[in-house]
Amino acid sequence: MMAFAQLLIAGMALAARFEASREVRIVQREVARPVVVRVPAEAPVEMPAEPPAVVSRPPVAAAEEPAVPATPLRVPEVADPRSERRVREARAARVAGDMGRAIIKLEEALGDSPDDATVLYELGMVHEQMGVYDTASSYYEKVFRQGISGAGALYEMAAAKLRDGFELPGGMLGKLSLGRVRIFNNPNHRGGQQVILTIPVQKVPSEEVDVGEIAVSVVFFNRTTRGEIVQLEDKSWVAERWASLPFDWAGGEENLRMIYTLPPQDARSEHLFGGREYYGQVVSLMYQGEVLDVQAWPRDLAARIPRIPATPSLDGLPPEFQNSLPPDFDPEMPLLPPLPELE
């Protein structure tokens, strides 16, 4: 009987271990999910031609031929269709920050069109953005040597690059910075917790900047009921817009408004992962891909983002927590303009 009882106990222990091994374990990993916002490119505005001045002339015996207006320079088209497609793909990769893919596409285009001014100029732009200025200058010089007849408008653009040199991203330190971030917790929102950030980007007066190179990166953090600090799970929870476009830097700053909405959880998700609420954010200001300024709130979040430099402008200054929204903000209105305004 004792031996039978021992065998029965051993069997029950093995069965319990087998059931425990079949339990599903959920492991959470923190992966950086920054929301990067750039300044939208402004559509070119076509200025109407000035009416010709009326000048009284004495009568002449023979009819004079009217003056022929100068033809504006144009960017030459890529002759090879394959090279043209690769140039378009390279531009898209450069804007997205994938410089390796951009160079691969442009080198393929260069193999089919070794003397094409557009391909050479794009290679110069990629290397300039990467900070390889010697290589960028060599490509711009090749475009410049083709003259107006070969490079068209790219001739003047390459000449300006060679004449003015390149502005290093580090040279913008102290000229662009973040203002005090304003945080408003919207208590009237019905679809979950909603937090509205106003992020000022400040510029030194009379300083010229390329607004297309300005980007603001924000990493949001939530805190669970278990005390865990986790990063943003879904970028669709964030909507953003610049308060005014185009930039005029009135008052020395432009404001980015970001609305972060945490949707309500179902009972199963809350049981598995715990409830969540907004905890804070890390805001980074970048110019030409280089970080110029960073603000983290709460400050312990700075340790969760690698390679964050010290904040030069507002070191130790907490954000401003607002009790009221700006007078022009309507939380029930969509962020995007109505469809007629998009046409």
Protein backbone atom coordinates (compact mmCIF):
# COMPACT_ATOMS: atom_id res chain seq x y z
CA MET A 1 0.00 0.00 0.00
CA MET A 2 2.82 2.43 0.80
CA ALA A 3 4.53 1.73 -2.55
CA PHE A 4 1.22 2.25 -4.37
CA ALA A 5 0.70 5.56 -2.55
CA GLN A 6 4.21 6.74 -3.48
CA LEU A 7 3.59 5.86 -7.15
CA LEU A 8 0.29 7.76 -7.05
CA ILE A 9 1.94 10.85 -5.53
CA ALA A 10 4.76 10.76 -8.15
CA GLY A 11 2.22 10.53 -10.95
CA MET A 12 0.25 13.49 -9.66
CA ALA A 13 3.45 15.58 -9.38
CA LEU A 14 4.40 14.77 -13.00
CA ALA A 15 0.93 15.73 -14.19
CA ALA A 16 1.11 19.06 -12.34
CA ARG A 17 4.49 19.88 -13.91
CA PHE A 18 3.15 19.00 -17.36
CA GLU A 19 0.17 21.34 -16.95
CA ALA A 20 2.43 24.15 -15.70
CA SER A 21 4.66 23.80 -18.77
CA ARG A 22 1.64 24.35 -21.01
CA GLU A 23 0.81 27.77 -19.53
CA VAL A 24 1.20 30.66 -21.98
CA ARG A 25 3.75 33.19 -20.81
CA ILE A 26 3.52 36.72 -22.15
CA VAL A 27 6.78 38.65 -22.27
CA GLN A 28 6.70 42.39 -22.88
CA ARG A 29 9.64 44.05 -24.63
CA GLU A 30 10.27 47.77 -24.77
CA VAL A 31 10.81 48.92 -28.33
CA ALA A 32 11.29 52.59 -29.09
CA ARG A 33 8.31 53.92 -31.03
CA PRO A 34 8.95 57.63 -31.48
CA VAL A 35 6.43 59.80 -33.28
CA VAL A 36 8.42 62.03 -35.65
CA VAL A 37 6.72 65.17 -36.96
CA ARG A 38 8.23 67.27 -39.74
CA VAL A 39 7.18 70.64 -41.07
CA PRO A 40 4.99 70.09 -44.16
CA ALA A 41 6.54 71.32 -47.35
CA GLU A 42 4.88 74.44 -48.61
CA ALA A 43 3.33 74.33 -52.07
CA PRO A 44 5.15 76.66 -54.49
CA VAL A 45 3.27 79.86 -55.05
CA GLU A 46 3.22 81.09 -58.62
CA MET A 47 3.67 84.86 -58.60
CA PRO A 48 1.88 86.69 -61.40
CA ALA A 49 4.14 88.34 -63.88
CA GLU A 50 4.49 92.09 -63.50
CA PRO A 51 2.72 94.06 -66.22
CA PRO A 52 5.13 95.71 -68.64
CA ALA A 53 5.79 99.35 -67.98
CA VAL A 54 4.33 101.74 -70.55
CA VAL A 55 7.05 103.92 -72.01
CA SER A 56 6.31 106.62 -74.54
CA ARG A 57 8.55 106.38 -77.59
CA PRO A 58 8.91 108.59 -80.59
CA PRO A 59 7.54 107.11 -83.81
CA VAL A 60 10.02 105.14 -85.86
CA ALA A 61 10.05 104.50 -89.52
CA ALA A 62 10.47 100.74 -89.35
CA ALA A 63 8.69 98.36 -86.95
CA GLU A 64 10.88 97.22 -84.06
CA GLU A 65 10.89 93.58 -82.98
CA PRO A 66 9.61 93.09 -79.40
CA ALA A 67 12.12 91.95 -76.81
CA VAL A 68 12.05 88.22 -76.18
CA PRO A 69 11.78 87.43 -72.43
CA ALA A 70 14.48 85.18 -71.01
CA THR A 71 13.43 81.56 -70.67
CA PRO A 72 13.64 80.41 -67.04
CA LEU A 73 16.07 77.59 -66.37
CA ARG A 74 14.60 74.17 -65.72
CA VAL A 75 15.92 71.05 -64.06
CA PRO A 76 16.82 68.67 -66.90
CA GLU A 77 14.87 65.44 -67.11
CA VAL A 78 16.63 62.11 -66.73
CA ALA A 79 16.90 60.64 -70.21
CA ASP A 80 16.95 56.97 -69.16
CA PRO A 81 13.55 55.84 -67.78
CA ARG A 82 15.23 53.29 -65.50
CA SER A 83 17.54 55.92 -64.04
CA GLU A 84 14.60 58.29 -63.57
CA ARG A 85 12.71 55.65 -61.59
CA ARG A 86 15.76 54.97 -59.42
CA VAL A 87 16.22 58.68 -58.75
CA ARG A 88 12.61 58.91 -57.54
CA GLU A 89 13.13 55.90 -55.28
CA ALA A 90 16.37 57.41 -53.95
CA ARG A 91 14.65 60.69 -53.13
CA ALA A 92 11.93 58.87 -51.22
CA ALA A 93 14.57 56.91 -49.29
CA ARG A 94 16.54 60.09 -48.50
CA VAL A 95 13.48 61.85 -47.12
CA ALA A 96 12.70 58.76 -45.01
CA GLY A 97 16.25 58.78 -43.64
CA ASP A 98 17.37 55.56 -45.36
CA MET A 99 20.66 56.85 -46.79
CA GLY A 100 22.01 53.40 -47.57
CA ARG A 101 19.11 52.59 -49.88
CA ALA A 102 19.32 56.06 -51.46
CA ILE A 103 23.00 55.60 -52.33
CA ILE A 104 22.39 52.11 -53.76
CA LYS A 105 19.63 53.41 -56.04
CA LEU A 106 21.68 56.40 -57.17
CA GLU A 107 24.76 54.29 -57.90
CA GLU A 108 22.59 52.01 -60.04
CA ALA A 109 21.29 55.07 -61.88
CA LEU A 110 24.84 56.39 -62.25
CA GLY A 111 25.88 53.15 -63.94
CA ASP A 112 23.27 53.68 -66.67
CA SER A 113 23.57 57.50 -66.79
CA PRO A 114 27.12 58.42 -65.70
CA ASP A 115 26.92 62.05 -66.86
CA ASP A 116 23.34 62.86 -65.89
CA ALA A 117 23.24 66.11 -63.91
CA THR A 118 20.20 65.11 -61.84
CA VAL A 119 21.81 61.84 -60.70
CA LEU A 120 25.04 63.64 -59.79
CA TYR A 121 23.21 66.37 -57.88
CA GLU A 122 21.14 63.83 -55.94
CA LEU A 123 24.33 62.01 -54.94
CA GLY A 124 25.69 65.33 -53.70
CA MET A 125 22.57 65.92 -51.60
CA VAL A 126 22.69 62.46 -50.02
CA HIS A 127 26.35 62.79 -49.07
CA GLU A 128 25.77 66.32 -47.77
CA GLN A 129 22.96 65.08 -45.54
CA MET A 130 25.22 62.27 -44.30
CA GLY A 131 27.93 64.80 -43.44
CA VAL A 132 30.43 63.55 -46.08
CA TYR A 133 31.07 67.04 -47.39
CA ASP A 134 34.17 66.31 -49.50
CA THR A 135 32.29 63.71 -51.55
CA ALA A 136 29.26 65.98 -51.82
CA SER A 137 31.46 68.82 -53.13
CA SER A 138 32.94 66.55 -55.80
CA TYR A 139 29.47 65.68 -57.13
CA TYR A 140 28.35 69.33 -57.07
CA GLU A 141 31.51 70.28 -58.97
CA LYS A 142 30.72 67.73 -61.69
CA VAL A 143 27.29 69.32 -62.08
CA PHE A 144 28.83 72.81 -62.15
CA ARG A 145 31.29 71.86 -64.90
CA GLN A 146 28.40 70.89 -67.20
CA GLY A 147 27.31 74.51 -67.35
CA ILE A 148 23.84 75.85 -68.03
CA SER A 149 23.52 73.94 -71.28
CA GLY A 150 24.04 70.58 -69.60
CA ALA A 151 22.72 71.08 -66.06
CA GLY A 152 20.07 73.76 -66.49
CA ALA A 153 18.80 75.06 -63.13
CA LEU A 154 21.03 72.56 -61.33
CA TYR A 155 24.04 74.60 -62.51
CA GLU A 156 23.03 77.60 -60.36
CA MET A 157 22.08 75.34 -57.44
CA ALA A 158 25.43 73.54 -57.54
CA ALA A 159 27.26 76.86 -57.86
CA ALA A 160 25.48 78.12 -54.73
CA LYS A 161 26.49 74.97 -52.83
CA LEU A 162 30.15 75.39 -53.83
CA ARG A 163 30.11 79.14 -53.14
CA ASP A 164 28.33 79.14 -49.77
CA GLY A 165 29.64 75.87 -48.41
CA PHE A 166 27.68 73.59 -46.08
CA GLU A 167 26.04 74.51 -42.82
CA LEU A 168 26.94 71.95 -40.20
CA PRO A 169 24.01 70.72 -38.08
CA GLY A 170 26.00 71.46 -34.94
CA GLY A 171 26.15 75.08 -36.05
CA MET A 172 22.44 75.38 -35.21
CA LEU A 173 23.08 74.77 -31.50
CA GLY A 174 21.82 77.79 -29.65
CA LYS A 175 19.82 78.96 -32.67
CA LEU A 176 16.98 76.42 -32.44
CA SER A 177 15.65 75.05 -29.17
CA LEU A 178 12.55 73.75 -27.41
CA GLY A 179 10.42 76.02 -25.29
CA ARG A 180 8.62 74.85 -22.17
CA VAL A 181 6.26 72.01 -23.09
CA ARG A 182 2.68 72.64 -21.95
CA ILE A 183 0.63 69.62 -20.84
CA PHE A 184 -3.16 69.58 -20.57
CA ASN A 185 -5.07 66.53 -19.32
CA ASN A 186 -8.47 66.76 -21.02
CA PRO A 187 -11.07 65.62 -18.44
CA ASN A 188 -14.02 66.02 -20.82
CA HIS A 189 -12.92 63.42 -23.37
CA ARG A 190 -15.22 60.41 -23.46
CA GLY A 191 -13.15 57.93 -25.47
CA GLY A 192 -10.41 57.22 -22.94
CA GLN A 193 -7.75 59.36 -21.30
CA GLN A 194 -6.62 62.25 -23.49
CA VAL A 195 -3.52 64.40 -23.03
CA ILE A 196 -2.76 67.44 -25.19
CA LEU A 197 0.83 68.66 -25.55
CA THR A 198 1.88 72.03 -26.92
CA ILE A 199 5.54 71.93 -27.95
CA PRO A 200 7.15 75.30 -28.78
CA VAL A 201 10.07 75.38 -31.23
CA GLN A 202 12.02 78.59 -30.73
CA LYS A 203 14.38 80.33 -33.15
CA VAL A 204 16.92 83.10 -32.72
CA PRO A 205 15.70 86.32 -34.40
CA SER A 206 17.11 87.07 -37.87
CA GLU A 207 18.50 83.53 -38.12
CA GLU A 208 17.71 81.74 -41.40
CA VAL A 209 16.77 78.05 -41.11
CA ASP A 210 15.49 75.47 -43.56
CA VAL A 211 12.14 74.49 -42.06
CA GLY A 212 12.17 71.28 -44.12
CA GLU A 213 15.08 70.06 -42.01
CA ILE A 214 13.29 70.62 -38.68
CA ALA A 215 11.77 67.54 -37.03
CA VAL A 216 10.28 66.93 -33.60
CA SER A 217 10.44 63.39 -32.18
CA VAL A 218 8.21 62.42 -29.24
CA VAL A 219 8.29 59.11 -27.35
CA PHE A 220 5.25 58.60 -25.10
CA PHE A 221 5.19 56.43 -21.98
CA ASN A 222 2.34 54.83 -20.03
CA ARG A 223 2.27 53.47 -16.47
CA THR A 224 0.38 50.26 -15.72
CA THR A 225 -1.45 49.42 -12.50
CA ARG A 226 1.39 46.97 -11.81
CA GLY A 227 3.85 49.86 -11.66
CA GLU A 228 5.52 49.14 -15.03
CA ILE A 229 6.58 51.99 -17.34
CA VAL A 230 5.98 50.99 -20.96
CA GLN A 231 6.37 52.87 -24.24
CA LEU A 232 3.73 53.79 -26.76
CA GLU A 233 1.99 50.74 -28.20
CA ASP A 234 0.12 52.17 -31.18
CA LYS A 235 1.04 55.32 -33.14
CA SER A 236 -2.57 55.71 -34.21
CA TRP A 237 -3.25 56.96 -30.67
CA VAL A 238 -1.36 60.16 -31.54
CA ALA A 239 -2.56 63.01 -33.77
CA GLU A 240 -0.53 66.12 -34.45
CA ARG A 241 -0.65 69.46 -36.26
CA TRP A 242 1.35 72.66 -36.36
CA ALA A 243 -0.62 75.55 -34.94
CA SER A 244 0.15 77.82 -37.90
CA LEU A 245 1.51 77.22 -41.39
CA PRO A 246 3.52 78.55 -43.10
CA PHE A 247 5.98 79.52 -40.39
CA ASP A 248 6.39 83.23 -39.74
CA TRP A 249 8.12 82.83 -36.33
CA ALA A 250 5.90 85.51 -34.81
CA GLY A 251 7.03 85.93 -31.24
CA GLY A 252 10.11 83.85 -32.00
CA GLU A 253 8.46 80.42 -31.88
CA GLU A 254 6.14 77.99 -33.66
CA ASN A 255 3.97 75.51 -31.76
CA LEU A 256 3.37 71.82 -32.44
CA ARG A 257 0.19 70.44 -30.87
CA MET A 258 0.04 66.69 -30.20
CA ILE A 259 -3.05 64.90 -28.91
CA TYR A 260 -2.42 61.55 -27.23
CA THR A 261 -5.53 59.43 -26.59
CA LEU A 262 -5.41 56.12 -24.71
CA PRO A 263 -8.45 54.08 -25.74
CA PRO A 264 -10.31 52.20 -23.00
CA GLN A 265 -9.22 48.59 -22.40
CA ASP A 266 -11.42 45.55 -22.39
CA ALA A 267 -11.57 43.42 -19.24
CA ARG A 268 -9.36 40.64 -20.67
CA SER A 269 -6.51 42.99 -21.69
CA GLU A 270 -6.64 44.79 -18.38
CA HIS A 271 -6.47 41.46 -16.53
CA LEU A 272 -3.47 40.26 -18.56
CA PHE A 273 -1.44 43.47 -18.79
CA GLY A 274 -2.93 45.68 -16.10
CA GLY A 275 -4.66 49.03 -16.48
CA ARG A 276 -2.72 51.91 -17.98
CA GLU A 277 -2.55 55.66 -17.75
CA TYR A 278 -0.43 58.38 -19.30
CA TYR A 279 2.93 58.80 -17.56
CA GLY A 280 5.11 61.21 -19.57
CA GLN A 281 7.09 61.85 -22.73
CA VAL A 282 10.54 62.55 -24.16
CA VAL A 283 10.62 65.36 -26.76
CA SER A 284 13.62 65.76 -29.08
CA LEU A 285 14.24 68.63 -31.51
CA MET A 286 16.30 67.66 -34.56
CA TYR A 287 17.80 69.61 -37.44
CA GLN A 288 19.25 67.76 -40.44
CA GLY A 289 18.99 64.54 -38.42
CA GLU A 290 21.07 65.87 -35.50
CA VAL A 291 19.57 66.26 -32.01
CA LEU A 292 19.73 69.88 -30.82
CA ASP A 293 17.55 69.83 -27.72
CA VAL A 294 15.77 67.26 -25.52
CA GLN A 295 13.18 67.51 -22.75
CA ALA A 296 12.11 64.51 -20.68
CA TRP A 297 9.24 64.56 -18.21
CA PRO A 298 9.31 63.02 -15.69
CA ARG A 299 13.08 63.31 -15.69
CA ASP A 300 13.65 59.60 -15.06
CA LEU A 301 12.46 58.95 -18.65
CA ALA A 302 15.76 60.38 -19.93
CA ALA A 303 17.45 57.15 -18.78
CA ARG A 304 15.10 55.08 -20.96
CA ILE A 305 16.15 56.77 -24.23
CA PRO A 306 19.73 56.01 -25.33
CA ARG A 307 22.23 58.75 -26.13
CA ILE A 308 20.25 61.74 -24.92
CA PRO A 309 22.42 64.85 -24.61
CA ALA A 310 21.97 67.33 -21.81
CA THR A 311 19.22 69.85 -22.49
CA PRO A 312 21.04 73.12 -23.22
CA SER A 313 18.18 75.59 -22.84
CA LEU A 314 15.78 74.39 -20.15
CA ASP A 315 17.90 72.09 -18.00
CA GLY A 316 15.94 71.24 -14.87
CA LEU A 317 12.87 73.28 -15.85
CA PRO A 318 9.66 71.21 -15.61
CA PRO A 319 6.88 71.50 -18.19
CA GLU A 320 3.88 73.70 -17.66
CA PHE A 321 0.68 71.91 -16.67
CA GLN A 322 -2.32 73.80 -17.96
CA ASN A 323 -5.79 73.93 -16.45
CA SER A 324 -7.42 75.31 -19.58
CA LEU A 325 -7.00 74.77 -23.29
CA PRO A 326 -6.06 77.52 -25.76
CA PRO A 327 -9.09 79.59 -26.76
CA ASP A 328 -8.89 78.47 -30.40
CA PHE A 329 -8.86 74.73 -29.62
CA ASP A 330 -11.98 72.61 -30.02
CA PRO A 331 -11.43 68.98 -28.87
CA GLU A 332 -14.50 67.82 -30.78
CA MET A 333 -13.22 69.11 -34.10
CA PRO A 334 -10.95 66.90 -36.25
CA LEU A 335 -7.32 67.86 -36.62
CA LEU A 336 -7.37 67.67 -40.40
CA PRO A 337 -8.98 70.51 -42.35
CA PRO A 338 -12.25 69.87 -44.21
CA LEU A 339 -11.99 68.22 -47.59
CA PRO A 340 -12.71 71.39 -49.62
CA GLU A 341 -9.67 73.04 -48.04
CA LEU A 342 -7.43 70.18 -49.14
CA GLU A 343 -8.17 70.72 -52.82
